[in-house]
Protein backbone atom coordinates (compact mmCIF):
# COMPACT_ATOMS: atom_id res chain seq x y z
CA MET A 1 -105.04 -3.40 87.27
CA ASN A 2 -104.69 -4.82 83.77
CA PRO A 3 -107.93 -6.28 82.43
CA THR A 4 -108.18 -9.79 81.04
CA PRO A 5 -110.27 -9.86 77.87
CA TYR A 6 -113.07 -12.14 76.91
CA PHE A 7 -113.59 -13.07 73.26
CA THR A 8 -116.77 -12.81 71.23
CA GLU A 9 -118.04 -12.34 67.70
CA LEU A 10 -120.51 -9.75 66.44
CA PRO A 11 -122.44 -9.47 63.19
CA PRO A 12 -122.15 -6.17 61.34
CA LEU A 13 -123.10 -3.12 63.40
CA LEU A 14 -124.89 -0.13 61.92
CA ILE A 15 -123.82 3.01 63.79
CA ALA A 16 -125.27 6.51 63.46
CA GLY A 17 -123.20 9.28 64.98
CA MET A 18 -121.00 12.36 64.79
CA ARG A 19 -117.38 12.17 63.78
CA GLU A 20 -114.21 14.21 63.60
CA PRO A 21 -110.57 13.59 62.62
CA LEU A 22 -108.24 12.42 65.39
CA SER A 23 -105.43 14.85 66.17
CA GLU A 24 -103.11 16.01 68.92
CA GLN A 25 -106.09 17.94 70.35
CA SER A 26 -108.35 14.86 70.59
CA ALA A 27 -108.13 14.75 74.40
CA GLN A 28 -110.01 18.06 74.35
CA THR A 29 -112.17 17.63 71.23
CA ILE A 30 -113.58 14.15 71.95
CA PRO A 31 -115.40 15.24 75.15
CA LEU A 32 -116.84 18.19 73.19
CA LEU A 33 -118.01 15.80 70.46
CA TRP A 34 -119.78 13.71 73.11
CA GLN A 35 -121.46 16.85 74.46
CA LYS A 36 -122.78 17.66 70.97
CA PHE A 37 -123.90 14.05 70.38
CA ALA A 38 -125.48 13.38 73.83
CA PRO A 39 -128.91 14.91 73.01
CA TYR A 40 -129.31 12.38 70.17
CA ILE A 41 -128.87 9.33 72.45
CA GLY A 42 -132.29 7.72 72.77
CA ASN A 43 -133.71 10.04 70.10
CA ILE A 44 -132.37 8.49 66.88
CA SER A 45 -134.87 6.73 64.60
CA PHE A 46 -134.38 2.96 64.65
CA GLN A 47 -131.92 3.09 67.59
CA ARG A 48 -131.16 -0.36 69.03
CA GLY A 49 -130.48 -0.62 72.75
CA ALA A 50 -129.20 1.97 75.18
CA ALA A 51 -125.45 1.58 74.58
CA ALA A 52 -123.35 4.34 73.02
CA TYR A 53 -120.16 3.77 71.04
CA GLY A 54 -116.91 5.69 70.64
CA LEU A 55 -115.20 4.36 67.53
CA CYS A 56 -111.66 4.92 66.32
CA VAL A 57 -112.04 4.35 62.58
CA HIS A 58 -109.48 4.11 59.80
CA SER A 59 -110.44 6.80 57.31
CA SER A 60 -110.99 5.38 53.84
CA GLU A 61 -111.10 8.99 52.64
CA SER A 62 -107.34 9.41 53.10
CA SER A 63 -104.46 7.26 51.99
CA ASN A 64 -102.04 8.41 54.71
CA GLY A 65 -103.38 6.24 57.53
CA HIS A 66 -105.47 8.86 59.34
CA HIS A 67 -108.21 7.94 61.77
CA TYR A 68 -111.36 9.65 62.91
CA TYR A 69 -113.38 9.29 66.09
CA MET A 70 -117.12 8.75 66.01
CA ALA A 71 -119.57 9.07 68.90
CA GLY A 72 -122.63 7.04 67.98
CA CYS A 73 -125.41 4.58 68.73
CA GLU A 74 -126.41 1.34 67.07
CA VAL A 75 -129.39 1.48 64.71
CA SER A 76 -131.31 -1.19 62.81
CA GLU A 77 -131.37 0.96 59.67
CA PHE A 78 -130.17 4.37 58.52
CA GLY A 79 -133.61 5.81 57.68
CA ASN A 80 -134.51 9.33 58.88
CA LEU A 81 -131.02 10.25 60.14
CA PRO A 82 -130.68 13.90 61.16
CA ALA A 83 -128.34 15.90 58.92
CA ASP A 84 -125.76 16.14 61.75
CA LEU A 85 -125.34 12.35 61.93
CA SER A 86 -123.28 10.10 59.67
CA PRO A 87 -123.83 6.38 59.02
CA LEU A 88 -121.11 3.78 59.57
CA ILE A 89 -121.21 0.03 58.98
CA VAL A 90 -118.80 -1.92 61.19
CA PRO A 91 -118.11 -5.28 59.50
CA ALA A 92 -118.62 -8.56 61.35
CA HIS A 93 -115.58 -9.32 63.51
CA LYS A 94 -114.22 -11.45 66.29
CA TYR A 95 -113.29 -9.21 69.24
CA ALA A 96 -111.21 -9.16 72.38
CA VAL A 97 -113.27 -7.20 74.91
CA PHE A 98 -111.58 -5.40 77.82
CA GLN A 99 -113.49 -3.97 80.78
CA HIS A 100 -112.41 -0.46 81.88
CA ASP A 101 -113.38 -0.12 85.55
CA ALA A 102 -111.71 3.22 86.34
CA HIS A 103 -112.93 6.75 85.56
CA VAL A 104 -113.48 7.46 81.86
CA SER A 105 -110.71 10.09 81.96
CA SER A 106 -108.16 7.28 82.41
CA ILE A 107 -109.36 5.27 79.41
CA ARG A 108 -106.05 5.98 77.67
CA ASN A 109 -104.30 3.75 80.25
CA THR A 110 -106.44 0.76 79.24
CA ILE A 111 -105.97 1.47 75.53
CA ASP A 112 -102.20 1.78 76.00
CA TYR A 113 -102.14 -1.50 77.95
CA ILE A 114 -104.06 -3.28 75.17
CA PHE A 115 -101.77 -2.09 72.37
CA ASP A 116 -98.43 -1.90 74.21
CA GLN A 117 -98.59 -4.94 76.50
CA TRP A 118 -101.46 -7.32 75.76
CA LEU A 119 -101.43 -7.36 71.94
CA PRO A 120 -97.66 -7.95 71.45
CA ASN A 121 -97.89 -11.00 73.74
CA ALA A 122 -101.24 -12.35 72.53
CA GLU A 123 -101.70 -15.18 70.08
CA ALA A 124 -104.47 -13.12 68.51
CA LYS A 125 -103.74 -10.59 65.77
CA HIS A 126 -105.33 -7.14 65.45
CA ASN A 127 -107.61 -6.58 62.45
CA SER A 128 -107.58 -2.82 61.92
CA GLN A 129 -108.75 -2.68 58.32
CA SER A 130 -111.90 -0.73 59.13
CA ILE A 131 -112.19 -0.18 62.88
CA HIS A 132 -109.04 0.35 64.95
CA PHE A 133 -111.06 -0.30 68.13
CA PHE A 134 -114.21 0.96 69.78
CA GLU A 135 -115.43 1.93 73.22
CA ARG A 136 -118.83 0.60 74.27
CA TYR A 137 -120.66 2.57 76.95
CA THR A 138 -123.33 0.24 78.35
CA GLU A 139 -126.56 1.25 80.04
CA THR A 140 -124.71 1.10 83.40
CA PHE A 141 -122.25 3.85 82.36
CA ASN A 142 -122.96 7.09 84.22
CA PRO A 143 -121.90 10.14 82.15
CA VAL A 144 -122.22 12.38 85.22
CA THR A 145 -119.75 10.40 87.36
CA GLY A 146 -117.72 9.02 84.43
CA LEU A 147 -117.93 5.53 85.96
CA GLY A 148 -119.63 2.25 85.13
CA GLY A 149 -120.06 -0.04 82.15
CA LEU A 150 -117.24 0.84 79.78
CA GLU A 151 -115.56 -1.68 77.48
CA ILE A 152 -112.84 -1.52 74.84
CA TRP A 153 -113.52 -3.78 71.83
CA LEU A 154 -110.49 -4.77 69.73
CA PRO A 155 -111.21 -6.43 66.35
CA LEU A 156 -109.17 -9.56 65.70
CA VAL A 157 -108.22 -11.52 62.58
């Protein structure tokens, strides 16, 4: 089933998390990154809410269009971050938000639908200057079953 998005705006988000470059091995390395990051969830100074974020970010550190993936949580400030965590400020954006109701392992199907089918036919335009997109794992997401509150947030112009 192809999700229908809702649209919303968010102020800037401050995210603290762990990151790594995206590559052909990302299907294997992203779950490992989440395993390393999981103990920090709920234990980061100034954490806001219970949601976790998986962000696909355009790397400003390279000029060849590379992206990195960051597993993180929202914080109200970057004070007292552990050495393993990096700060990221996501600028204010308008977003198209897509619900992913299937198992987390099939998230690629929803992402492919968004970019291959929905976006080319939408009146909205993708704004990928800083964030390509992000996954939001709400408090109803169950990491044991891989099911529950999972959304894909696509920044728009």
